[in-house]
Amino acid sequence: MAELLIHDDPRAALMDAYVLSLTGSSLQSQSQVTASLAALGLQDERDLFRDSRDLNPLFRTRNEIAHEMDMTPAALRDKNRRTRRERSMSSYIEMCHDGLDYCQRVLNALDVALNVT
């Protein structure tokens, strides 16, 4: 807050900080998705907010995969010890389709919001 108050252009600094808060990390959680929806002006799209919960399995799996790829002490000691989960290809396909379908719904809602005359 102090930086904003002493900045030559507080409004520009505030806008820069807001944009950074929205773009500084990738969308890896339901809360980040809903914050983005609100920032895009889709706060009245209740179905999108409600259905964002359905993305949690996708986010959880993505995070598990990313962390399982990290080298663990157990993996370094015993090369035969598996530290990764087995998942069926169909579960990956379903989660990816769900995520892509959700993204399409967001884009459709944005198209309507931007083209209201």
PDB file of N, CA and C in Angstrom:
ATOM      1  N   MET A   1       0.824  -1.175   0.000  1.00  0.00           N
ATOM      2  CA  MET A   1       0.000   0.000   0.000  1.00  0.00           C
ATOM      3  C   MET A   1       0.877   1.250   0.000  1.00  0.00           C
ATOM      4  N   ALA A   2       1.932   1.216   0.787  1.00  0.00           N
ATOM      5  CA  ALA A   2       2.814   2.378   0.852  1.00  0.00           C
ATOM      6  C   ALA A   2       3.429   2.670  -0.511  1.00  0.00           C
ATOM      7  N   GLU A   3       3.790   1.610  -1.249  1.00  0.00           N
ATOM      8  CA  GLU A   3       4.368   1.808  -2.581  1.00  0.00           C
ATOM      9  C   GLU A   3       3.386   2.500  -3.513  1.00  0.00           C
ATOM     10  N   LEU A   4       2.128   2.150  -3.402  1.00  0.00           N
ATOM     11  CA  LEU A   4       1.114   2.799  -4.233  1.00  0.00           C
ATOM     12  C   LEU A   4       0.989   4.275  -3.898  1.00  0.00           C
ATOM     13  N   LEU A   5       1.037   4.583  -2.623  1.00  0.00           N
ATOM     14  CA  LEU A   5       0.861   5.971  -2.187  1.00  0.00           C
ATOM     15  C   LEU A   5       2.009   6.874  -2.604  1.00  0.00           C
ATOM     16  N   ILE A   6       3.207   6.323  -2.692  1.00  0.00           N
ATOM     17  CA  ILE A   6       4.354   7.164  -3.049  1.00  0.00           C
ATOM     18  C   ILE A   6       4.720   7.067  -4.531  1.00  0.00           C
ATOM     19  N   HIS A   7       4.028   6.224  -5.261  1.00  0.00           N
ATOM     20  CA  HIS A   7       4.308   6.028  -6.681  1.00  0.00           C
ATOM     21  C   HIS A   7       3.914   7.275  -7.469  1.00  0.00           C
ATOM     22  N   ASP A   8       4.654   7.560  -8.545  1.00  0.00           N
ATOM     23  CA  ASP A   8       4.338   8.705  -9.403  1.00  0.00           C
ATOM     24  C   ASP A   8       2.936   8.600 -10.005  1.00  0.00           C
ATOM     25  N   ASP A   9       2.536   7.392 -10.335  1.00  0.00           N
ATOM     26  CA  ASP A   9       1.226   7.153 -10.932  1.00  0.00           C
ATOM     27  C   ASP A   9       0.559   6.002 -10.180  1.00  0.00           C
ATOM     28  N   PRO A  10      -0.084   6.300  -9.030  1.00  0.00           N
ATOM     29  CA  PRO A  10      -0.676   5.239  -8.213  1.00  0.00           C
ATOM     30  C   PRO A  10      -1.691   4.384  -8.970  1.00  0.00           C
ATOM     31  N   ARG A  11      -2.458   5.010  -9.856  1.00  0.00           N
ATOM     32  CA  ARG A  11      -3.467   4.249 -10.602  1.00  0.00           C
ATOM     33  C   ARG A  11      -2.790   3.210 -11.501  1.00  0.00           C
ATOM     34  N   ALA A  12      -1.764   3.599 -12.210  1.00  0.00           N
ATOM     35  CA  ALA A  12      -1.037   2.666 -13.074  1.00  0.00           C
ATOM     36  C   ALA A  12      -0.378   1.560 -12.248  1.00  0.00           C
ATOM     37  N   ALA A  13       0.177   1.929 -11.108  1.00  0.00           N
ATOM     38  CA  ALA A  13       0.827   0.934 -10.241  1.00  0.00           C
ATOM     39  C   ALA A  13      -0.208  -0.065  -9.713  1.00  0.00           C
ATOM     40  N   LEU A  14      -1.376   0.429  -9.362  1.00  0.00           N
ATOM     41  CA  LEU A  14      -2.437  -0.449  -8.876  1.00  0.00           C
ATOM     42  C   LEU A  14      -2.901  -1.397  -9.980  1.00  0.00           C
ATOM     43  N   MET A  15      -3.063  -0.869 -11.183  1.00  0.00           N
ATOM     44  CA  MET A  15      -3.459  -1.713 -12.316  1.00  0.00           C
ATOM     45  C   MET A  15      -2.395  -2.771 -12.600  1.00  0.00           C
ATOM     46  N   ASP A  16      -1.134  -2.375 -12.556  1.00  0.00           N
ATOM     47  CA  ASP A  16      -0.043  -3.330 -12.781  1.00  0.00           C
ATOM     48  C   ASP A  16      -0.066  -4.437 -11.726  1.00  0.00           C
ATOM     49  N   ALA A  17      -0.285  -4.065 -10.479  1.00  0.00           N
ATOM     50  CA  ALA A  17      -0.330  -5.050  -9.394  1.00  0.00           C
ATOM     51  C   ALA A  17      -1.524  -5.990  -9.568  1.00  0.00           C
ATOM     52  N   TYR A  18      -2.650  -5.442 -10.006  1.00  0.00           N
ATOM     53  CA  TYR A  18      -3.851  -6.257 -10.228  1.00  0.00           C
ATOM     54  C   TYR A  18      -3.620  -7.254 -11.367  1.00  0.00           C
ATOM     55  N   VAL A  19      -3.069  -6.783 -12.468  1.00  0.00           N
ATOM     56  CA  VAL A  19      -2.784  -7.666 -13.606  1.00  0.00           C
ATOM     57  C   VAL A  19      -1.801  -8.753 -13.190  1.00  0.00           C
ATOM     58  N   LEU A  20      -0.773  -8.393 -12.446  1.00  0.00           N
ATOM     59  CA  LEU A  20       0.199  -9.386 -11.980  1.00  0.00           C
ATOM     60  C   LEU A  20      -0.456 -10.425 -11.078  1.00  0.00           C
ATOM     61  N   SER A  21      -1.389  -9.992 -10.227  1.00  0.00           N
ATOM     62  CA  SER A  21      -2.068 -10.943  -9.341  1.00  0.00           C
ATOM     63  C   SER A  21      -2.894 -11.951 -10.136  1.00  0.00           C
ATOM     64  N   LEU A  22      -3.375 -11.548 -11.312  1.00  0.00           N
ATOM     65  CA  LEU A  22      -4.177 -12.446 -12.143  1.00  0.00           C
ATOM     66  C   LEU A  22      -3.334 -13.294 -13.087  1.00  0.00           C
ATOM     67  N   THR A  23      -2.172 -12.804 -13.463  1.00  0.00           N
ATOM     68  CA  THR A  23      -1.367 -13.494 -14.474  1.00  0.00           C
ATOM     69  C   THR A  23      -0.051 -14.041 -13.941  1.00  0.00           C
ATOM     70  N   GLY A  24       0.252 -13.788 -12.689  1.00  0.00           N
ATOM     71  CA  GLY A  24       1.544 -14.168 -12.129  1.00  0.00           C
ATOM     72  C   GLY A  24       1.743 -15.657 -11.956  1.00  0.00           C
ATOM     73  N   SER A  25       0.657 -16.417 -11.930  1.00  0.00           N
ATOM     74  CA  SER A  25       0.782 -17.871 -11.817  1.00  0.00           C
ATOM     75  C   SER A  25      -0.254 -18.520 -12.722  1.00  0.00           C
ATOM     76  N   SER A  26      -0.036 -19.781 -13.011  1.00  0.00           N
ATOM     77  CA  SER A  26      -0.985 -20.475 -13.875  1.00  0.00           C
ATOM     78  C   SER A  26      -2.214 -20.886 -13.057  1.00  0.00           C
ATOM     79  N   LEU A  27      -3.282 -21.161 -13.758  1.00  0.00           N
ATOM     80  CA  LEU A  27      -4.527 -21.564 -13.096  1.00  0.00           C
ATOM     81  C   LEU A  27      -4.405 -23.014 -12.653  1.00  0.00           C
ATOM     82  N   GLN A  28      -4.153 -23.207 -11.357  1.00  0.00           N
ATOM     83  CA  GLN A  28      -3.943 -24.551 -10.846  1.00  0.00           C
ATOM     84  C   GLN A  28      -4.871 -24.889  -9.691  1.00  0.00           C
ATOM     85  N   SER A  29      -5.942 -24.111  -9.531  1.00  0.00           N
ATOM     86  CA  SER A  29      -6.894 -24.405  -8.460  1.00  0.00           C
ATOM     87  C   SER A  29      -8.241 -23.794  -8.797  1.00  0.00           C
ATOM     88  N   GLN A  30      -9.254 -24.312  -8.148  1.00  0.00           N
ATOM     89  CA  GLN A  30     -10.601 -23.789  -8.328  1.00  0.00           C
ATOM     90  C   GLN A  30     -10.661 -22.316  -7.921  1.00  0.00           C
ATOM     91  N   SER A  31      -9.992 -21.940  -6.851  1.00  0.00           N
ATOM     92  CA  SER A  31     -10.045 -20.544  -6.397  1.00  0.00           C
ATOM     93  C   SER A  31      -9.418 -19.603  -7.431  1.00  0.00           C
ATOM     94  N   GLN A  32      -8.369 -20.057  -8.104  1.00  0.00           N
ATOM     95  CA  GLN A  32      -7.771 -19.220  -9.153  1.00  0.00           C
ATOM     96  C   GLN A  32      -8.705 -19.103 -10.353  1.00  0.00           C
ATOM     97  N   VAL A  33      -9.418 -20.167 -10.660  1.00  0.00           N
ATOM     98  CA  VAL A  33     -10.376 -20.126 -11.770  1.00  0.00           C
ATOM     99  C   VAL A  33     -11.501 -19.147 -11.438  1.00  0.00           C
ATOM    100  N   THR A  34     -12.066 -19.239 -10.242  1.00  0.00           N
ATOM    101  CA  THR A  34     -13.186 -18.357  -9.901  1.00  0.00           C
ATOM    102  C   THR A  34     -12.733 -16.900  -9.786  1.00  0.00           C
ATOM    103  N   ALA A  35     -11.517 -16.661  -9.333  1.00  0.00           N
ATOM    104  CA  ALA A  35     -10.997 -15.290  -9.298  1.00  0.00           C
ATOM    105  C   ALA A  35     -10.879 -14.746 -10.721  1.00  0.00           C
ATOM    106  N   SER A  36     -10.462 -15.600 -11.647  1.00  0.00           N
ATOM    107  CA  SER A  36     -10.354 -15.174 -13.044  1.00  0.00           C
ATOM    108  C   SER A  36     -11.727 -14.905 -13.647  1.00  0.00           C
ATOM    109  N   LEU A  37     -12.697 -15.738 -13.309  1.00  0.00           N
ATOM    110  CA  LEU A  37     -14.056 -15.507 -13.800  1.00  0.00           C
ATOM    111  C   LEU A  37     -14.566 -14.143 -13.354  1.00  0.00           C
ATOM    112  N   ALA A  38     -14.360 -13.831 -12.083  1.00  0.00           N
ATOM    113  CA  ALA A  38     -14.805 -12.539 -11.557  1.00  0.00           C
ATOM    114  C   ALA A  38     -14.064 -11.392 -12.239  1.00  0.00           C
ATOM    115  N   ALA A  39     -12.766 -11.556 -12.447  1.00  0.00           N
ATOM    116  CA  ALA A  39     -11.974 -10.501 -13.086  1.00  0.00           C
ATOM    117  C   ALA A  39     -12.410 -10.271 -14.530  1.00  0.00           C
ATOM    118  N   LEU A  40     -12.904 -11.324 -15.167  1.00  0.00           N
ATOM    119  CA  LEU A  40     -13.364 -11.210 -16.550  1.00  0.00           C
ATOM    120  C   LEU A  40     -14.788 -10.657 -16.648  1.00  0.00           C
ATOM    121  N   GLY A  41     -15.388 -10.370 -15.509  1.00  0.00           N
ATOM    122  CA  GLY A  41     -16.744  -9.817 -15.507  1.00  0.00           C
ATOM    123  C   GLY A  41     -17.830 -10.863 -15.611  1.00  0.00           C
ATOM    124  N   LEU A  42     -17.505 -12.098 -15.299  1.00  0.00           N
ATOM    125  CA  LEU A  42     -18.480 -13.182 -15.396  1.00  0.00           C
ATOM    126  C   LEU A  42     -19.067 -13.553 -14.038  1.00  0.00           C
ATOM    127  N   GLN A  43     -19.104 -12.602 -13.124  1.00  0.00           N
ATOM    128  CA  GLN A  43     -19.573 -12.885 -11.772  1.00  0.00           C
ATOM    129  C   GLN A  43     -21.026 -13.349 -11.718  1.00  0.00           C
ATOM    130  N   ASP A  44     -21.816 -13.073 -12.749  1.00  0.00           N
ATOM    131  CA  ASP A  44     -23.215 -13.503 -12.758  1.00  0.00           C
ATOM    132  C   ASP A  44     -23.407 -14.889 -13.367  1.00  0.00           C
ATOM    133  N   GLU A  45     -22.344 -15.500 -13.830  1.00  0.00           N
ATOM    134  CA  GLU A  45     -22.422 -16.835 -14.432  1.00  0.00           C
ATOM    135  C   GLU A  45     -22.348 -17.895 -13.324  1.00  0.00           C
ATOM    136  N   ARG A  46     -23.421 -18.026 -12.593  1.00  0.00           N
ATOM    137  CA  ARG A  46     -23.454 -18.917 -11.420  1.00  0.00           C
ATOM    138  C   ARG A  46     -23.101 -20.363 -11.771  1.00  0.00           C
ATOM    139  N   ASP A  47     -23.540 -20.823 -12.932  1.00  0.00           N
ATOM    140  CA  ASP A  47     -23.225 -22.203 -13.321  1.00  0.00           C
ATOM    141  C   ASP A  47     -21.720 -22.416 -13.459  1.00  0.00           C
ATOM    142  N   LEU A  48     -21.024 -21.434 -14.009  1.00  0.00           N
ATOM    143  CA  LEU A  48     -19.572 -21.564 -14.152  1.00  0.00           C
ATOM    144  C   LEU A  48     -18.886 -21.604 -12.793  1.00  0.00           C
ATOM    145  N   PHE A  49     -19.348 -20.766 -11.871  1.00  0.00           N
ATOM    146  CA  PHE A  49     -18.761 -20.777 -10.529  1.00  0.00           C
ATOM    147  C   PHE A  49     -19.040 -22.117  -9.843  1.00  0.00           C
ATOM    148  N   ARG A  50     -20.282 -22.576  -9.933  1.00  0.00           N
ATOM    149  CA  ARG A  50     -20.646 -23.853  -9.299  1.00  0.00           C
ATOM    150  C   ARG A  50     -19.864 -25.000  -9.931  1.00  0.00           C
ATOM    151  N   ASP A  51     -19.827 -25.037 -11.252  1.00  0.00           N
ATOM    152  CA  ASP A  51     -19.193 -26.157 -11.947  1.00  0.00           C
ATOM    153  C   ASP A  51     -17.672 -26.138 -11.878  1.00  0.00           C
ATOM    154  N   SER A  52     -17.100 -25.036 -11.438  1.00  0.00           N
ATOM    155  CA  SER A  52     -15.639 -24.994 -11.291  1.00  0.00           C
ATOM    156  C   SER A  52     -15.166 -26.037 -10.280  1.00  0.00           C
ATOM    157  N   ARG A  53     -16.046 -26.439  -9.370  1.00  0.00           N
ATOM    158  CA  ARG A  53     -15.699 -27.506  -8.404  1.00  0.00           C
ATOM    159  C   ARG A  53     -15.358 -28.805  -9.121  1.00  0.00           C
ATOM    160  N   ASP A  54     -16.007 -29.016 -10.279  1.00  0.00           N
ATOM    161  CA  ASP A  54     -15.783 -30.255 -11.025  1.00  0.00           C
ATOM    162  C   ASP A  54     -14.380 -30.346 -11.600  1.00  0.00           C
ATOM    163  N   LEU A  55     -13.641 -29.238 -11.578  1.00  0.00           N
ATOM    164  CA  LEU A  55     -12.262 -29.241 -12.074  1.00  0.00           C
ATOM    165  C   LEU A  55     -11.272 -29.736 -11.019  1.00  0.00           C
ATOM    166  N   ASN A  56     -11.717 -29.862  -9.772  1.00  0.00           N
ATOM    167  CA  ASN A  56     -10.789 -30.246  -8.703  1.00  0.00           C
ATOM    168  C   ASN A  56     -10.065 -31.572  -8.957  1.00  0.00           C
ATOM    169  N   PRO A  57     -10.729 -32.618  -9.472  1.00  0.00           N
ATOM    170  CA  PRO A  57      -9.968 -33.842  -9.764  1.00  0.00           C
ATOM    171  C   PRO A  57      -8.865 -33.610 -10.799  1.00  0.00           C
ATOM    172  N   LEU A  58      -9.128 -32.780 -11.780  1.00  0.00           N
ATOM    173  CA  LEU A  58      -8.120 -32.454 -12.792  1.00  0.00           C
ATOM    174  C   LEU A  58      -6.937 -31.738 -12.153  1.00  0.00           C
ATOM    175  N   PHE A  59      -7.205 -30.740 -11.319  1.00  0.00           N
ATOM    176  CA  PHE A  59      -6.124 -30.011 -10.651  1.00  0.00           C
ATOM    177  C   PHE A  59      -5.342 -30.927  -9.712  1.00  0.00           C
ATOM    178  N   ARG A  60      -6.065 -31.762  -8.965  1.00  0.00           N
ATOM    179  CA  ARG A  60      -5.399 -32.664  -8.018  1.00  0.00           C
ATOM    180  C   ARG A  60      -4.477 -33.629  -8.775  1.00  0.00           C
ATOM    181  N   THR A  61      -4.978 -34.210  -9.857  1.00  0.00           N
ATOM    182  CA  THR A  61      -4.169 -35.148 -10.636  1.00  0.00           C
ATOM    183  C   THR A  61      -2.966 -34.452 -11.252  1.00  0.00           C
ATOM    184  N   ARG A  62      -3.186 -33.260 -11.787  1.00  0.00           N
ATOM    185  CA  ARG A  62      -2.080 -32.497 -12.377  1.00  0.00           C
ATOM    186  C   ARG A  62      -0.990 -32.248 -11.342  1.00  0.00           C
ATOM    187  N   ASN A  63      -1.392 -31.858 -10.139  1.00  0.00           N
ATOM    188  CA  ASN A  63      -0.413 -31.587  -9.083  1.00  0.00           C
ATOM    189  C   ASN A  63       0.306 -32.858  -8.646  1.00  0.00           C
ATOM    190  N   GLU A  64      -0.439 -33.968  -8.562  1.00  0.00           N
ATOM    191  CA  GLU A  64       0.194 -35.237  -8.196  1.00  0.00           C
ATOM    192  C   GLU A  64       1.234 -35.638  -9.235  1.00  0.00           C
ATOM    193  N   ILE A  65       0.871 -35.512 -10.501  1.00  0.00           N
ATOM    194  CA  ILE A  65       1.806 -35.875 -11.570  1.00  0.00           C
ATOM    195  C   ILE A  65       3.058 -35.006 -11.497  1.00  0.00           C
ATOM    196  N   ALA A  66       2.862 -33.699 -11.335  1.00  0.00           N
ATOM    197  CA  ALA A  66       4.009 -32.791 -11.277  1.00  0.00           C
ATOM    198  C   ALA A  66       4.922 -33.123 -10.102  1.00  0.00           C
ATOM    199  N   HIS A  67       4.336 -33.438  -8.946  1.00  0.00           N
ATOM    200  CA  HIS A  67       5.152 -33.721  -7.769  1.00  0.00           C
ATOM    201  C   HIS A  67       5.773 -35.111  -7.831  1.00  0.00           C
ATOM    202  N   GLU A  68       5.090 -36.056  -8.456  1.00  0.00           N
ATOM    203  CA  GLU A  68       5.644 -37.396  -8.578  1.00  0.00           C
ATOM    204  C   GLU A  68       6.830 -37.424  -9.527  1.00  0.00           C
ATOM    205  N   MET A  69       6.913 -36.439 -10.391  1.00  0.00           N
ATOM    206  CA  MET A  69       8.050 -36.377 -11.308  1.00  0.00           C
ATOM    207  C   MET A  69       9.295 -35.851 -10.603  1.00  0.00           C
ATOM    208  N   ASP A  70       9.113 -35.238  -9.436  1.00  0.00           N
ATOM    209  CA  ASP A  70      10.263 -34.777  -8.667  1.00  0.00           C
ATOM    210  C   ASP A  70      11.053 -35.988  -8.178  1.00  0.00           C
ATOM    211  N   MET A  71      12.359 -35.835  -8.084  1.00  0.00           N
ATOM    212  CA  MET A  71      13.176 -36.912  -7.545  1.00  0.00           C
ATOM    213  C   MET A  71      12.955 -36.990  -6.040  1.00  0.00           C
ATOM    214  N   THR A  72      12.646 -38.171  -5.556  1.00  0.00           N
ATOM    215  CA  THR A  72      12.442 -38.368  -4.126  1.00  0.00           C
ATOM    216  C   THR A  72      13.609 -39.180  -3.568  1.00  0.00           C
ATOM    217  N   PRO A  73      13.919 -39.016  -2.295  1.00  0.00           N
ATOM    218  CA  PRO A  73      15.010 -39.808  -1.708  1.00  0.00           C
ATOM    219  C   PRO A  73      14.793 -41.311  -1.884  1.00  0.00           C
ATOM    220  N   ALA A  74      13.531 -41.773  -1.756  1.00  0.00           N
ATOM    221  CA  ALA A  74      13.261 -43.204  -1.908  1.00  0.00           C
ATOM    222  C   ALA A  74      13.578 -43.664  -3.331  1.00  0.00           C
ATOM    223  N   ALA A  75      13.238 -42.856  -4.292  1.00  0.00           N
ATOM    224  CA  ALA A  75      13.499 -43.221  -5.687  1.00  0.00           C
ATOM    225  C   ALA A  75      14.993 -43.259  -5.963  1.00  0.00           C
ATOM    226  N   LEU A  76      15.738 -42.400  -5.312  1.00  0.00           N
ATOM    227  CA  LEU A  76      17.182 -42.383  -5.524  1.00  0.00           C
ATOM    228  C   LEU A  76      17.856 -43.591  -4.879  1.00  0.00           C
ATOM    229  N   ARG A  77      17.355 -44.052  -3.720  1.00  0.00           N
ATOM    230  CA  ARG A  77      17.956 -45.181  -3.009  1.00  0.00           C
ATOM    231  C   ARG A  77      17.619 -46.516  -3.662  1.00  0.00           C
ATOM    232  N   ASP A  78      16.363 -46.666  -4.039  1.00  0.00           N
ATOM    233  CA  ASP A  78      15.904 -47.963  -4.528  1.00  0.00           C
ATOM    234  C   ASP A  78      15.231 -47.768  -5.883  1.00  0.00           C
ATOM    235  N   LYS A  79      15.962 -48.011  -6.926  1.00  0.00           N
ATOM    236  CA  LYS A  79      15.468 -47.752  -8.283  1.00  0.00           C
ATOM    237  C   LYS A  79      14.254 -48.614  -8.638  1.00  0.00           C
ATOM    238  N   ASN A  80      14.039 -49.726  -7.931  1.00  0.00           N
ATOM    239  CA  ASN A  80      12.898 -50.601  -8.220  1.00  0.00           C
ATOM    240  C   ASN A  80      11.619 -50.181  -7.490  1.00  0.00           C
ATOM    241  N   ARG A  81      11.709 -49.242  -6.613  1.00  0.00           N
ATOM    242  CA  ARG A  81      10.535 -48.800  -5.845  1.00  0.00           C
ATOM    243  C   ARG A  81       9.771 -47.759  -6.657  1.00  0.00           C
ATOM    244  N   ARG A  82       8.521 -48.026  -6.919  1.00  0.00           N
ATOM    245  CA  ARG A  82       7.688 -47.093  -7.684  1.00  0.00           C
ATOM    246  C   ARG A  82       7.183 -46.001  -6.755  1.00  0.00           C
ATOM    247  N   THR A  83       7.282 -44.779  -7.200  1.00  0.00           N
ATOM    248  CA  THR A  83       6.764 -43.664  -6.410  1.00  0.00           C
ATOM    249  C   THR A  83       5.680 -42.918  -7.179  1.00  0.00           C
ATOM    250  N   ARG A  84       5.192 -43.521  -8.259  1.00  0.00           N
ATOM    251  CA  ARG A  84       4.161 -42.886  -9.079  1.00  0.00           C
ATOM    252  C   ARG A  84       2.898 -43.732  -9.078  1.00  0.00           C
ATOM    253  N   ARG A  85       1.767 -43.067  -9.248  1.00  0.00           N
ATOM    254  CA  ARG A  85       0.481 -43.759  -9.299  1.00  0.00           C
ATOM    255  C   ARG A  85       0.161 -44.193 -10.719  1.00  0.00           C
ATOM    256  N   GLU A  86      -0.507 -45.306 -10.792  1.00  0.00           N
ATOM    257  CA  GLU A  86      -1.006 -45.777 -12.083  1.00  0.00           C
ATOM    258  C   GLU A  86      -2.399 -45.181 -12.281  1.00  0.00           C
ATOM    259  N   ARG A  87      -2.653 -44.665 -13.471  1.00  0.00           N
ATOM    260  CA  ARG A  87      -3.971 -44.143 -13.816  1.00  0.00           C
ATOM    261  C   ARG A  87      -4.329 -44.672 -15.191  1.00  0.00           C
ATOM    262  N   SER A  88      -5.601 -44.885 -15.394  1.00  0.00           N
ATOM    263  CA  SER A  88      -6.020 -45.372 -16.709  1.00  0.00           C
ATOM    264  C   SER A  88      -6.024 -44.217 -17.705  1.00  0.00           C
ATOM    265  N   MET A  89      -5.778 -44.554 -18.955  1.00  0.00           N
ATOM    266  CA  MET A  89      -5.801 -43.551 -20.007  1.00  0.00           C
ATOM    267  C   MET A  89      -7.188 -42.908 -20.085  1.00  0.00           C
ATOM    268  N   SER A  90      -8.231 -43.705 -19.872  1.00  0.00           N
ATOM    269  CA  SER A  90      -9.587 -43.154 -19.961  1.00  0.00           C
ATOM    270  C   SER A  90      -9.842 -42.097 -18.889  1.00  0.00           C
ATOM    271  N   SER A  91      -9.231 -42.256 -17.715  1.00  0.00           N
ATOM    272  CA  SER A  91      -9.423 -41.233 -16.674  1.00  0.00           C
ATOM    273  C   SER A  91      -8.741 -39.922 -17.072  1.00  0.00           C
ATOM    274  N   TYR A  92      -7.564 -40.030 -17.699  1.00  0.00           N
ATOM    275  CA  TYR A  92      -6.893 -38.821 -18.191  1.00  0.00           C
ATOM    276  C   TYR A  92      -7.739 -38.146 -19.266  1.00  0.00           C
ATOM    277  N   ILE A  93      -8.225 -38.949 -20.191  1.00  0.00           N
ATOM    278  CA  ILE A  93      -9.015 -38.404 -21.302  1.00  0.00           C
ATOM    279  C   ILE A  93     -10.262 -37.706 -20.768  1.00  0.00           C
ATOM    280  N   GLU A  94     -10.953 -38.339 -19.834  1.00  0.00           N
ATOM    281  CA  GLU A  94     -12.171 -37.748 -19.273  1.00  0.00           C
ATOM    282  C   GLU A  94     -11.878 -36.422 -18.570  1.00  0.00           C
ATOM    283  N   MET A  95     -10.836 -36.389 -17.741  1.00  0.00           N
ATOM    284  CA  MET A  95     -10.492 -35.143 -17.041  1.00  0.00           C
ATOM    285  C   MET A  95     -10.106 -34.046 -18.023  1.00  0.00           C
ATOM    286  N   CYS A  96      -9.345 -34.384 -19.028  1.00  0.00           N
ATOM    287  CA  CYS A  96      -8.937 -33.386 -20.022  1.00  0.00           C
ATOM    288  C   CYS A  96     -10.142 -32.862 -20.798  1.00  0.00           C
ATOM    289  N   HIS A  97     -11.041 -33.753 -21.176  1.00  0.00           N
ATOM    290  CA  HIS A  97     -12.251 -33.316 -21.875  1.00  0.00           C
ATOM    291  C   HIS A  97     -13.095 -32.416 -20.977  1.00  0.00           C
ATOM    292  N   ASP A  98     -13.229 -32.782 -19.713  1.00  0.00           N
ATOM    293  CA  ASP A  98     -13.989 -31.949 -18.775  1.00  0.00           C
ATOM    294  C   ASP A  98     -13.374 -30.552 -18.677  1.00  0.00           C
ATOM    295  N   GLY A  99     -12.044 -30.494 -18.570  1.00  0.00           N
ATOM    296  CA  GLY A  99     -11.361 -29.203 -18.479  1.00  0.00           C
ATOM    297  C   GLY A  99     -11.538 -28.379 -19.737  1.00  0.00           C
ATOM    298  N   LEU A 100     -11.398 -29.018 -20.890  1.00  0.00           N
ATOM    299  CA  LEU A 100     -11.558 -28.305 -22.160  1.00  0.00           C
ATOM    300  C   LEU A 100     -13.007 -27.858 -22.374  1.00  0.00           C
ATOM    301  N   ASP A 101     -13.953 -28.704 -22.000  1.00  0.00           N
ATOM    302  CA  ASP A 101     -15.363 -28.321 -22.111  1.00  0.00           C
ATOM    303  C   ASP A 101     -15.657 -27.103 -21.232  1.00  0.00           C
ATOM    304  N   TYR A 102     -15.092 -27.102 -20.029  1.00  0.00           N
ATOM    305  CA  TYR A 102     -15.293 -25.965 -19.125  1.00  0.00           C
ATOM    306  C   TYR A 102     -14.703 -24.690 -19.739  1.00  0.00           C
ATOM    307  N   CYS A 103     -13.511 -24.806 -20.286  1.00  0.00           N
ATOM    308  CA  CYS A 103     -12.879 -23.640 -20.936  1.00  0.00           C
ATOM    309  C   CYS A 103     -13.741 -23.117 -22.079  1.00  0.00           C
ATOM    310  N   GLN A 104     -14.338 -24.014 -22.851  1.00  0.00           N
ATOM    311  CA  GLN A 104     -15.210 -23.591 -23.943  1.00  0.00           C
ATOM    312  C   GLN A 104     -16.424 -22.847 -23.406  1.00  0.00           C
ATOM    313  N   ARG A 105     -16.971 -23.307 -22.303  1.00  0.00           N
ATOM    314  CA  ARG A 105     -18.109 -22.616 -21.690  1.00  0.00           C
ATOM    315  C   ARG A 105     -17.720 -21.214 -21.240  1.00  0.00           C
ATOM    316  N   VAL A 106     -16.520 -21.075 -20.692  1.00  0.00           N
ATOM    317  CA  VAL A 106     -16.040 -19.744 -20.282  1.00  0.00           C
ATOM    318  C   VAL A 106     -15.912 -18.842 -21.509  1.00  0.00           C
ATOM    319  N   LEU A 107     -15.312 -19.366 -22.568  1.00  0.00           N
ATOM    320  CA  LEU A 107     -15.165 -18.569 -23.794  1.00  0.00           C
ATOM    321  C   LEU A 107     -16.521 -18.191 -24.380  1.00  0.00           C
ATOM    322  N   ASN A 108     -17.474 -19.098 -24.350  1.00  0.00           N
ATOM    323  CA  ASN A 108     -18.817 -18.794 -24.841  1.00  0.00           C
ATOM    324  C   ASN A 108     -19.467 -17.688 -24.013  1.00  0.00           C
ATOM    325  N   ALA A 109     -19.314 -17.746 -22.700  1.00  0.00           N
ATOM    326  CA  ALA A 109     -19.876 -16.714 -21.826  1.00  0.00           C
ATOM    327  C   ALA A 109     -19.205 -15.368 -22.079  1.00  0.00           C
ATOM    328  N   LEU A 110     -17.898 -15.390 -22.303  1.00  0.00           N
ATOM    329  CA  LEU A 110     -17.186 -14.144 -22.612  1.00  0.00           C
ATOM    330  C   LEU A 110     -17.650 -13.569 -23.952  1.00  0.00           C
ATOM    331  N   ASP A 111     -17.853 -14.431 -24.921  1.00  0.00           N
ATOM    332  CA  ASP A 111     -18.328 -13.980 -26.225  1.00  0.00           C
ATOM    333  C   ASP A 111     -19.669 -13.268 -26.083  1.00  0.00           C
ATOM    334  N   VAL A 112     -20.568 -13.855 -25.331  1.00  0.00           N
ATOM    335  CA  VAL A 112     -21.869 -13.221 -25.105  1.00  0.00           C
ATOM    336  C   VAL A 112     -21.707 -11.899 -24.376  1.00  0.00           C
ATOM    337  N   ALA A 113     -20.885 -11.887 -23.324  1.00  0.00           N
ATOM    338  CA  ALA A 113     -20.703 -10.648 -22.539  1.00  0.00           C
ATOM    339  C   ALA A 113     -20.084  -9.533 -23.368  1.00  0.00           C
ATOM    340  N   LEU A 114     -19.172  -9.872 -24.238  1.00  0.00           N
ATOM    341  CA  LEU A 114     -18.493  -8.849 -25.045  1.00  0.00           C
ATOM    342  C   LEU A 114     -19.320  -8.368 -26.231  1.00  0.00           C
ATOM    343  N   ASN A 115     -20.270  -9.172 -26.632  1.00  0.00           N
ATOM    344  CA  ASN A 115     -21.071  -8.824 -27.803  1.00  0.00           C
ATOM    345  C   ASN A 115     -22.471  -8.342 -27.476  1.00  0.00           C
ATOM    346  N   VAL A 116     -22.715  -8.045 -26.219  1.00  0.00           N
ATOM    347  CA  VAL A 116     -24.025  -7.512 -25.825  1.00  0.00           C
ATOM    348  C   VAL A 116     -24.144  -6.105 -26.400  1.00  0.00           C
ATOM    349  N   THR A 117     -25.239  -5.859 -27.097  1.00  0.00           N
ATOM    350  CA  THR A 117     -25.418  -4.527 -27.711  1.00  0.00           C
ATOM    351  C   THR A 117     -26.584  -3.785 -27.105  1.00  0.00           C
TER     352      THR A 117
END
